[in-house]
Amino acid sequence: MAEIKEKFNILGFAVDVTDVSIERADEHFDTYTLGDGTVLRVKSVATAIKRVDGQYLPDGNPIYIVQTTPTVSVQKTALKQNIAVKAHSPKAN
């Protein structure tokens, strides 16, 4: 996929960036056991990656902006409630 150049607003500044496609992703869940006994699985899913044009870290690597969406699932909890699902019946005419 071709790289697309654009302006990206970060901290009130318009920054020149290049949109870089994600060719492959290996996303893994992290597991957290909470004080109430609940077990959560959490992962961050990258939705877009942009390389800042002409800017580099002190070690020479380019700077990337990674836009993410968190994904959370409850694996185990003693706090779960049984919620009755009401059957939806169509309205009679």
N, C-alpha and C. Protein backbone atom coordinates (compact mmCIF):
# COMPACT_ATOMS: atom_id res chain seq x y z
N MET A 1 0.84 -1.17 0.00
CA MET A 1 0.00 0.00 0.00
C MET A 1 0.89 1.24 0.00
N ALA A 2 0.51 2.24 -0.76
CA ALA A 2 1.30 3.47 -0.84
C ALA A 2 1.17 4.27 0.45
N GLU A 3 2.27 4.92 0.82
CA GLU A 3 2.25 5.77 2.00
C GLU A 3 1.57 7.09 1.66
N ILE A 4 0.75 7.60 2.58
CA ILE A 4 0.01 8.83 2.37
C ILE A 4 0.52 9.89 3.33
N LYS A 5 0.89 11.04 2.79
CA LYS A 5 1.37 12.15 3.62
C LYS A 5 0.18 13.01 4.01
N GLU A 6 0.20 13.50 5.27
CA GLU A 6 -0.89 14.34 5.76
C GLU A 6 -0.40 15.18 6.93
N LYS A 7 -1.26 16.08 7.39
CA LYS A 7 -1.01 16.86 8.60
C LYS A 7 -1.76 16.17 9.73
N PHE A 8 -1.12 16.09 10.91
CA PHE A 8 -1.74 15.46 12.08
C PHE A 8 -1.63 16.43 13.24
N ASN A 9 -2.75 16.70 13.89
CA ASN A 9 -2.76 17.64 15.00
C ASN A 9 -2.44 16.91 16.29
N ILE A 10 -1.34 17.32 16.92
CA ILE A 10 -0.94 16.72 18.19
C ILE A 10 -0.50 17.83 19.14
N LEU A 11 -1.14 17.87 20.29
CA LEU A 11 -0.85 18.87 21.31
C LEU A 11 -0.94 20.30 20.78
N GLY A 12 -1.88 20.53 19.86
CA GLY A 12 -2.10 21.86 19.32
C GLY A 12 -1.18 22.24 18.16
N PHE A 13 -0.35 21.32 17.72
CA PHE A 13 0.56 21.58 16.61
C PHE A 13 0.20 20.70 15.42
N ALA A 14 0.23 21.28 14.23
CA ALA A 14 0.03 20.50 13.01
C ALA A 14 1.39 19.92 12.62
N VAL A 15 1.48 18.61 12.58
CA VAL A 15 2.74 17.91 12.32
C VAL A 15 2.62 17.16 11.00
N ASP A 16 3.68 17.23 10.17
CA ASP A 16 3.71 16.46 8.93
C ASP A 16 3.99 15.00 9.26
N VAL A 17 3.10 14.12 8.79
CA VAL A 17 3.26 12.69 9.05
C VAL A 17 3.02 11.91 7.76
N THR A 18 3.48 10.68 7.78
CA THR A 18 3.21 9.74 6.70
C THR A 18 2.45 8.57 7.29
N ASP A 19 1.28 8.29 6.74
CA ASP A 19 0.47 7.16 7.18
C ASP A 19 1.14 5.88 6.68
N VAL A 20 1.44 4.97 7.59
CA VAL A 20 2.13 3.74 7.24
C VAL A 20 1.17 2.57 7.45
N SER A 21 1.02 1.74 6.42
CA SER A 21 0.08 0.61 6.53
C SER A 21 0.60 -0.46 7.49
N ILE A 22 -0.33 -1.16 8.10
CA ILE A 22 0.00 -2.30 8.97
C ILE A 22 -0.04 -3.55 8.10
N GLU A 23 1.09 -4.15 7.90
CA GLU A 23 1.17 -5.34 7.03
C GLU A 23 0.85 -6.63 7.78
N ARG A 24 1.21 -6.67 9.06
CA ARG A 24 1.00 -7.87 9.88
C ARG A 24 0.93 -7.44 11.33
N ALA A 25 0.09 -8.09 12.11
CA ALA A 25 -0.03 -7.76 13.54
C ALA A 25 -0.06 -9.04 14.37
N ASP A 26 0.69 -9.05 15.45
CA ASP A 26 0.64 -10.13 16.43
C ASP A 26 0.17 -9.49 17.73
N GLU A 27 -1.12 -9.57 17.99
CA GLU A 27 -1.70 -8.93 19.16
C GLU A 27 -1.98 -9.98 20.22
N HIS A 28 -1.52 -9.71 21.43
CA HIS A 28 -1.68 -10.66 22.52
C HIS A 28 -2.36 -9.99 23.70
N PHE A 29 -3.13 -10.77 24.42
CA PHE A 29 -3.79 -10.27 25.63
C PHE A 29 -2.83 -10.32 26.81
N ASP A 30 -2.93 -9.33 27.69
CA ASP A 30 -2.30 -9.37 29.01
C ASP A 30 -3.40 -9.72 30.00
N THR A 31 -3.08 -10.48 31.01
CA THR A 31 -4.06 -10.92 31.99
C THR A 31 -3.78 -10.25 33.33
N TYR A 32 -4.85 -9.72 33.94
CA TYR A 32 -4.73 -9.03 35.23
C TYR A 32 -5.70 -9.66 36.21
N THR A 33 -5.21 -10.05 37.39
CA THR A 33 -6.07 -10.52 38.46
C THR A 33 -6.24 -9.36 39.44
N LEU A 34 -7.49 -8.96 39.65
CA LEU A 34 -7.79 -7.80 40.48
C LEU A 34 -8.02 -8.20 41.94
N GLY A 35 -8.03 -7.20 42.82
CA GLY A 35 -8.20 -7.44 44.25
C GLY A 35 -9.52 -8.08 44.60
N ASP A 36 -10.55 -7.93 43.75
CA ASP A 36 -11.85 -8.54 44.03
C ASP A 36 -11.97 -9.94 43.42
N GLY A 37 -10.87 -10.45 42.89
CA GLY A 37 -10.87 -11.79 42.32
C GLY A 37 -11.18 -11.85 40.84
N THR A 38 -11.59 -10.74 40.26
CA THR A 38 -11.90 -10.70 38.84
C THR A 38 -10.62 -10.86 38.02
N VAL A 39 -10.73 -11.59 36.91
CA VAL A 39 -9.62 -11.74 35.98
C VAL A 39 -10.00 -11.04 34.68
N LEU A 40 -9.19 -10.05 34.30
CA LEU A 40 -9.40 -9.31 33.06
C LEU A 40 -8.34 -9.68 32.05
N ARG A 41 -8.75 -9.71 30.78
CA ARG A 41 -7.80 -9.83 29.68
C ARG A 41 -7.86 -8.52 28.90
N VAL A 42 -6.70 -7.93 28.66
CA VAL A 42 -6.63 -6.61 28.02
C VAL A 42 -5.61 -6.65 26.89
N LYS A 43 -5.97 -6.03 25.77
CA LYS A 43 -4.98 -5.83 24.71
C LYS A 43 -5.26 -4.50 24.02
N SER A 44 -4.24 -3.97 23.42
CA SER A 44 -4.33 -2.72 22.68
C SER A 44 -4.22 -3.05 21.20
N VAL A 45 -5.21 -2.64 20.42
CA VAL A 45 -5.23 -2.94 18.99
C VAL A 45 -4.87 -1.67 18.21
N ALA A 46 -3.78 -1.71 17.45
CA ALA A 46 -3.38 -0.56 16.64
C ALA A 46 -4.35 -0.40 15.49
N THR A 47 -4.91 0.81 15.36
CA THR A 47 -5.86 1.08 14.27
C THR A 47 -5.22 1.92 13.17
N ALA A 48 -4.18 2.69 13.49
CA ALA A 48 -3.46 3.49 12.50
C ALA A 48 -2.07 3.80 13.04
N ILE A 49 -1.10 3.86 12.13
CA ILE A 49 0.27 4.20 12.51
C ILE A 49 0.76 5.28 11.57
N LYS A 50 1.32 6.34 12.16
CA LYS A 50 1.84 7.47 11.39
C LYS A 50 3.29 7.71 11.79
N ARG A 51 4.14 7.94 10.78
CA ARG A 51 5.54 8.26 11.03
C ARG A 51 5.69 9.78 10.91
N VAL A 52 6.30 10.39 11.92
CA VAL A 52 6.50 11.84 11.90
C VAL A 52 7.64 12.14 10.93
N ASP A 53 7.34 12.99 9.92
CA ASP A 53 8.32 13.28 8.88
C ASP A 53 9.46 14.14 9.41
N GLY A 54 10.70 13.69 9.17
CA GLY A 54 11.89 14.47 9.49
C GLY A 54 12.22 14.56 10.96
N GLN A 55 11.60 13.75 11.81
CA GLN A 55 11.86 13.79 13.25
C GLN A 55 12.38 12.42 13.70
N TYR A 56 13.42 12.46 14.52
CA TYR A 56 14.05 11.21 14.95
C TYR A 56 14.37 11.26 16.43
N LEU A 57 14.40 10.11 17.06
CA LEU A 57 14.80 9.97 18.45
C LEU A 57 16.32 10.12 18.54
N PRO A 58 16.86 10.34 19.75
CA PRO A 58 18.33 10.48 19.89
C PRO A 58 19.11 9.29 19.36
N ASP A 59 18.49 8.09 19.34
CA ASP A 59 19.22 6.92 18.83
C ASP A 59 19.11 6.78 17.31
N GLY A 60 18.42 7.75 16.65
CA GLY A 60 18.32 7.74 15.20
C GLY A 60 17.06 7.10 14.65
N ASN A 61 16.28 6.46 15.50
CA ASN A 61 15.04 5.84 15.03
C ASN A 61 13.98 6.89 14.74
N PRO A 62 13.13 6.64 13.72
CA PRO A 62 12.05 7.58 13.41
C PRO A 62 11.00 7.57 14.53
N ILE A 63 10.23 8.65 14.63
CA ILE A 63 9.18 8.75 15.63
C ILE A 63 7.87 8.31 14.99
N TYR A 64 7.13 7.45 15.68
CA TYR A 64 5.84 6.97 15.20
C TYR A 64 4.74 7.38 16.17
N ILE A 65 3.58 7.69 15.62
CA ILE A 65 2.36 7.91 16.41
C ILE A 65 1.48 6.70 16.16
N VAL A 66 1.09 6.03 17.23
CA VAL A 66 0.27 4.82 17.09
C VAL A 66 -1.10 5.10 17.70
N GLN A 67 -2.13 5.02 16.87
CA GLN A 67 -3.51 5.16 17.36
C GLN A 67 -4.03 3.77 17.69
N THR A 68 -4.60 3.64 18.89
CA THR A 68 -5.02 2.32 19.36
C THR A 68 -6.45 2.33 19.90
N THR A 69 -7.02 1.14 19.97
CA THR A 69 -8.31 0.91 20.61
C THR A 69 -8.10 -0.19 21.64
N PRO A 70 -8.47 0.06 22.90
CA PRO A 70 -8.32 -1.00 23.90
C PRO A 70 -9.43 -2.04 23.77
N THR A 71 -9.09 -3.29 24.02
CA THR A 71 -10.05 -4.38 24.05
C THR A 71 -9.95 -5.04 25.41
N VAL A 72 -11.07 -5.15 26.11
CA VAL A 72 -11.09 -5.71 27.47
C VAL A 72 -12.16 -6.80 27.54
N SER A 73 -11.81 -7.92 28.15
CA SER A 73 -12.81 -8.95 28.39
C SER A 73 -12.67 -9.47 29.82
N VAL A 74 -13.80 -9.73 30.45
CA VAL A 74 -13.82 -10.28 31.80
C VAL A 74 -13.78 -11.80 31.65
N GLN A 75 -12.73 -12.41 32.17
CA GLN A 75 -12.58 -13.86 32.07
C GLN A 75 -13.26 -14.59 33.21
N LYS A 76 -13.19 -13.98 34.41
CA LYS A 76 -13.75 -14.64 35.59
C LYS A 76 -14.07 -13.56 36.60
N THR A 77 -15.25 -13.67 37.23
CA THR A 77 -15.60 -12.75 38.30
C THR A 77 -16.69 -13.36 39.17
N ALA A 78 -16.60 -13.07 40.46
CA ALA A 78 -17.65 -13.51 41.39
C ALA A 78 -18.75 -12.46 41.46
N LEU A 79 -18.57 -11.36 40.77
CA LEU A 79 -19.52 -10.25 40.84
C LEU A 79 -20.57 -10.28 39.75
N LYS A 80 -20.53 -11.28 38.88
CA LYS A 80 -21.46 -11.34 37.76
C LYS A 80 -22.90 -11.49 38.26
N GLN A 81 -23.79 -10.74 37.64
CA GLN A 81 -25.21 -10.82 37.96
C GLN A 81 -25.95 -11.49 36.83
N ASN A 82 -26.99 -12.24 37.17
CA ASN A 82 -27.85 -12.81 36.16
C ASN A 82 -28.86 -11.75 35.76
N ILE A 83 -28.79 -11.33 34.54
CA ILE A 83 -29.70 -10.30 34.05
C ILE A 83 -30.69 -10.97 33.11
N ALA A 84 -31.97 -10.86 33.48
CA ALA A 84 -33.01 -11.46 32.64
C ALA A 84 -33.16 -10.65 31.37
N VAL A 85 -33.16 -11.34 30.25
CA VAL A 85 -33.35 -10.69 28.97
C VAL A 85 -34.82 -10.78 28.63
N LYS A 86 -35.43 -9.62 28.45
CA LYS A 86 -36.86 -9.59 28.12
C LYS A 86 -37.04 -9.96 26.65
N ALA A 87 -37.98 -10.86 26.42
CA ALA A 87 -38.29 -11.24 25.05
C ALA A 87 -39.01 -10.07 24.40
N HIS A 88 -38.60 -9.75 23.20
CA HIS A 88 -39.20 -8.64 22.45
C HIS A 88 -40.24 -9.22 21.51
N SER A 89 -41.46 -8.80 21.69
CA SER A 89 -42.50 -9.28 20.79
C SER A 89 -42.95 -8.13 19.90
N PRO A 90 -43.18 -8.41 18.63
CA PRO A 90 -43.59 -7.35 17.73
C PRO A 90 -44.93 -6.78 18.13
N LYS A 91 -45.10 -5.48 17.91
CA LYS A 91 -46.36 -4.83 18.25
C LYS A 91 -47.46 -5.31 17.31
N ALA A 92 -48.61 -5.54 17.91
CA ALA A 92 -49.76 -5.94 17.10
C ALA A 92 -50.37 -4.69 16.46
N ASN A 93 -50.79 -4.80 15.22
CA ASN A 93 -51.40 -3.66 14.53
C ASN A 93 -52.86 -3.55 14.84
